[in-house]
Amino acid sequence: MASNSPWHHLYKTKRWYRLRWHQLQAEPTCRMCRAMDVVEAANTVDHVKPHKGDENLFFDASNLQSLCKPCHDSAKQRQEKTGILPGHDVAGIPVDPNHHWNRD
């Protein structure tokens, strides 16, 4: 979340605080860590699809995921910049559902 973004004020609303709290209650562990068979407490609520100021998308509970700060600040940021989510699960399958690869 960039502090100089035009939508920074949305993160300061009661509506966001309530939505964030409910998300962390519903999904208390990091989604990206779980994909790699690691249990890590989540402390960051992330927008799966970047909202870019779209309030409907910003406050859409189905567009949220719980992440730990390291995953949010590294893997998720890289995904938004490159379009590819780095990493793989314990079976060696890329955690990015959009990453196509040949299993043969």
C-alpha atoms as a PDB file:
ATOM      1  CA  MET A   1       0.000   0.000   0.000  1.00  0.00           C
ATOM      2  CA  ALA A   2       1.607   3.216  -1.128  1.00  0.00           C
ATOM      3  CA  SER A   3       1.064   6.032   1.354  1.00  0.00           C
ATOM      4  CA  ASN A   4       0.999   8.611  -1.428  1.00  0.00           C
ATOM      5  CA  SER A   5      -1.640   6.809  -3.502  1.00  0.00           C
ATOM      6  CA  PRO A   6      -4.903   8.633  -4.200  1.00  0.00           C
ATOM      7  CA  TRP A   7      -6.820   5.816  -2.476  1.00  0.00           C
ATOM      8  CA  HIS A   8      -4.680   5.675   0.686  1.00  0.00           C
ATOM      9  CA  HIS A   9      -7.575   7.161   2.678  1.00  0.00           C
ATOM     10  CA  LEU A  10      -9.634   3.982   2.069  1.00  0.00           C
ATOM     11  CA  TYR A  11      -7.291   2.063   4.373  1.00  0.00           C
ATOM     12  CA  LYS A  12      -8.176   4.466   7.210  1.00  0.00           C
ATOM     13  CA  THR A  13     -11.956   3.879   7.105  1.00  0.00           C
ATOM     14  CA  LYS A  14     -13.970   1.983   9.709  1.00  0.00           C
ATOM     15  CA  ARG A  15     -15.397  -0.094   6.891  1.00  0.00           C
ATOM     16  CA  TRP A  16     -11.885  -1.293   5.940  1.00  0.00           C
ATOM     17  CA  TYR A  17     -10.899  -1.989   9.557  1.00  0.00           C
ATOM     18  CA  ARG A  18     -14.011  -4.135  10.015  1.00  0.00           C
ATOM     19  CA  LEU A  19     -13.491  -5.948   6.712  1.00  0.00           C
ATOM     20  CA  ARG A  20      -9.820  -6.529   7.524  1.00  0.00           C
ATOM     21  CA  TRP A  21     -10.678  -7.905  10.976  1.00  0.00           C
ATOM     22  CA  HIS A  22     -13.276 -10.290   9.538  1.00  0.00           C
ATOM     23  CA  GLN A  23     -10.834 -11.483   6.868  1.00  0.00           C
ATOM     24  CA  LEU A  24      -8.132 -12.276   9.429  1.00  0.00           C
ATOM     25  CA  GLN A  25     -10.668 -14.083  11.613  1.00  0.00           C
ATOM     26  CA  ALA A  26     -11.895 -16.170   8.669  1.00  0.00           C
ATOM     27  CA  GLU A  27      -8.389 -16.896   7.336  1.00  0.00           C
ATOM     28  CA  PRO A  28      -5.877 -16.533  10.187  1.00  0.00           C
ATOM     29  CA  THR A  29      -2.921 -18.111   8.372  1.00  0.00           C
ATOM     30  CA  CYS A  30      -1.013 -16.986   5.286  1.00  0.00           C
ATOM     31  CA  ARG A  31      -2.504 -18.366   2.087  1.00  0.00           C
ATOM     32  CA  MET A  32       0.833 -18.372   0.223  1.00  0.00           C
ATOM     33  CA  CYS A  33       2.654 -20.155   3.051  1.00  0.00           C
ATOM     34  CA  ARG A  34      -0.103 -22.784   3.245  1.00  0.00           C
ATOM     35  CA  ALA A  35       0.365 -23.461  -0.473  1.00  0.00           C
ATOM     36  CA  MET A  36       3.935 -24.457   0.406  1.00  0.00           C
ATOM     37  CA  ASP A  37       2.788 -26.565   3.390  1.00  0.00           C
ATOM     38  CA  VAL A  38       3.954 -23.982   5.931  1.00  0.00           C
ATOM     39  CA  VAL A  39       1.719 -22.621   8.676  1.00  0.00           C
ATOM     40  CA  GLU A  40       2.387 -18.945   9.307  1.00  0.00           C
ATOM     41  CA  ALA A  41       0.125 -16.430  11.026  1.00  0.00           C
ATOM     42  CA  ALA A  42      -1.363 -13.850   8.678  1.00  0.00           C
ATOM     43  CA  ASN A  43      -1.154 -10.191   9.635  1.00  0.00           C
ATOM     44  CA  THR A  44      -1.811  -8.539   6.274  1.00  0.00           C
ATOM     45  CA  VAL A  45      -5.018  -8.457   4.252  1.00  0.00           C
ATOM     46  CA  ASP A  46      -4.265  -8.334   0.554  1.00  0.00           C
ATOM     47  CA  HIS A  47      -6.428  -7.557  -2.446  1.00  0.00           C
ATOM     48  CA  VAL A  48      -6.119 -10.563  -4.773  1.00  0.00           C
ATOM     49  CA  LYS A  49      -6.910  -8.388  -7.780  1.00  0.00           C
ATOM     50  CA  PRO A  50      -5.365  -4.914  -7.375  1.00  0.00           C
ATOM     51  CA  HIS A  51      -8.172  -2.407  -6.803  1.00  0.00           C
ATOM     52  CA  LYS A  52      -6.326   0.711  -8.078  1.00  0.00           C
ATOM     53  CA  GLY A  53      -8.832   2.912  -6.291  1.00  0.00           C
ATOM     54  CA  ASP A  54     -11.987   1.070  -7.389  1.00  0.00           C
ATOM     55  CA  GLU A  55     -14.009   1.180  -4.159  1.00  0.00           C
ATOM     56  CA  ASN A  56     -16.255  -1.723  -5.184  1.00  0.00           C
ATOM     57  CA  LEU A  57     -13.193  -3.926  -5.666  1.00  0.00           C
ATOM     58  CA  PHE A  58     -11.491  -2.469  -2.579  1.00  0.00           C
ATOM     59  CA  PHE A  59     -14.394  -3.414  -0.289  1.00  0.00           C
ATOM     60  CA  ASP A  60     -15.220  -6.723  -2.024  1.00  0.00           C
ATOM     61  CA  ALA A  61     -14.674  -9.418   0.619  1.00  0.00           C
ATOM     62  CA  SER A  62     -14.293 -12.089  -2.079  1.00  0.00           C
ATOM     63  CA  ASN A  63     -11.253 -10.177  -3.406  1.00  0.00           C
ATOM     64  CA  LEU A  64      -9.304 -10.517  -0.146  1.00  0.00           C
ATOM     65  CA  GLN A  65      -6.722 -12.981   1.091  1.00  0.00           C
ATOM     66  CA  SER A  66      -4.750 -13.206   4.298  1.00  0.00           C
ATOM     67  CA  LEU A  67      -0.963 -13.126   4.002  1.00  0.00           C
ATOM     68  CA  CYS A  68       2.017 -12.811   6.294  1.00  0.00           C
ATOM     69  CA  LYS A  69       3.988  -9.594   5.815  1.00  0.00           C
ATOM     70  CA  PRO A  70       7.006 -11.292   4.156  1.00  0.00           C
ATOM     71  CA  CYS A  71       4.788 -12.941   1.502  1.00  0.00           C
ATOM     72  CA  HIS A  72       2.848  -9.745   0.907  1.00  0.00           C
ATOM     73  CA  ASP A  73       5.952  -7.573   0.657  1.00  0.00           C
ATOM     74  CA  SER A  74       7.967  -9.927  -1.543  1.00  0.00           C
ATOM     75  CA  ALA A  75       6.136 -12.646  -3.490  1.00  0.00           C
ATOM     76  CA  LYS A  76       2.874 -10.744  -3.934  1.00  0.00           C
ATOM     77  CA  GLN A  77       4.632  -7.541  -4.991  1.00  0.00           C
ATOM     78  CA  ARG A  78       6.722  -9.485  -7.516  1.00  0.00           C
ATOM     79  CA  GLN A  79       3.545 -11.105  -8.837  1.00  0.00           C
ATOM     80  CA  GLU A  80       1.930  -7.706  -9.379  1.00  0.00           C
ATOM     81  CA  LYS A  81       5.024  -6.411 -11.209  1.00  0.00           C
ATOM     82  CA  THR A  82       5.811  -9.488 -13.338  1.00  0.00           C
ATOM     83  CA  GLY A  83       2.474 -11.297 -13.520  1.00  0.00           C
ATOM     84  CA  ILE A  84       4.040 -14.477 -12.101  1.00  0.00           C
ATOM     85  CA  LEU A  85       3.783 -15.676  -8.520  1.00  0.00           C
ATOM     86  CA  PRO A  86       7.180 -17.074  -7.479  1.00  0.00           C
ATOM     87  CA  GLY A  87       7.485 -20.370  -5.653  1.00  0.00           C
ATOM     88  CA  HIS A  88       6.064 -23.867  -5.702  1.00  0.00           C
ATOM     89  CA  ASP A  89       4.190 -26.187  -3.367  1.00  0.00           C
ATOM     90  CA  VAL A  90       5.594 -29.294  -1.666  1.00  0.00           C
ATOM     91  CA  ALA A  91       4.851 -31.385  -4.781  1.00  0.00           C
ATOM     92  CA  GLY A  92       6.928 -29.022  -6.926  1.00  0.00           C
ATOM     93  CA  ILE A  93       3.874 -27.499  -8.616  1.00  0.00           C
ATOM     94  CA  PRO A  94       4.073 -23.713  -9.106  1.00  0.00           C
ATOM     95  CA  VAL A  95       1.804 -21.890  -6.651  1.00  0.00           C
ATOM     96  CA  ASP A  96       0.759 -19.500  -9.416  1.00  0.00           C
ATOM     97  CA  PRO A  97      -2.492 -20.944 -10.794  1.00  0.00           C
ATOM     98  CA  ASN A  98      -1.887 -19.071 -14.056  1.00  0.00           C
ATOM     99  CA  HIS A  99       1.593 -20.528 -14.544  1.00  0.00           C
ATOM    100  CA  HIS A 100       1.349 -23.201 -17.223  1.00  0.00           C
ATOM    101  CA  TRP A 101       3.996 -25.857 -17.390  1.00  0.00           C
ATOM    102  CA  ASN A 102       4.442 -29.283 -18.894  1.00  0.00           C
ATOM    103  CA  ARG A 103       4.074 -32.195 -16.459  1.00  0.00           C
ATOM    104  CA  ASP A 104       5.530 -34.733 -18.935  1.00  0.00           C
END
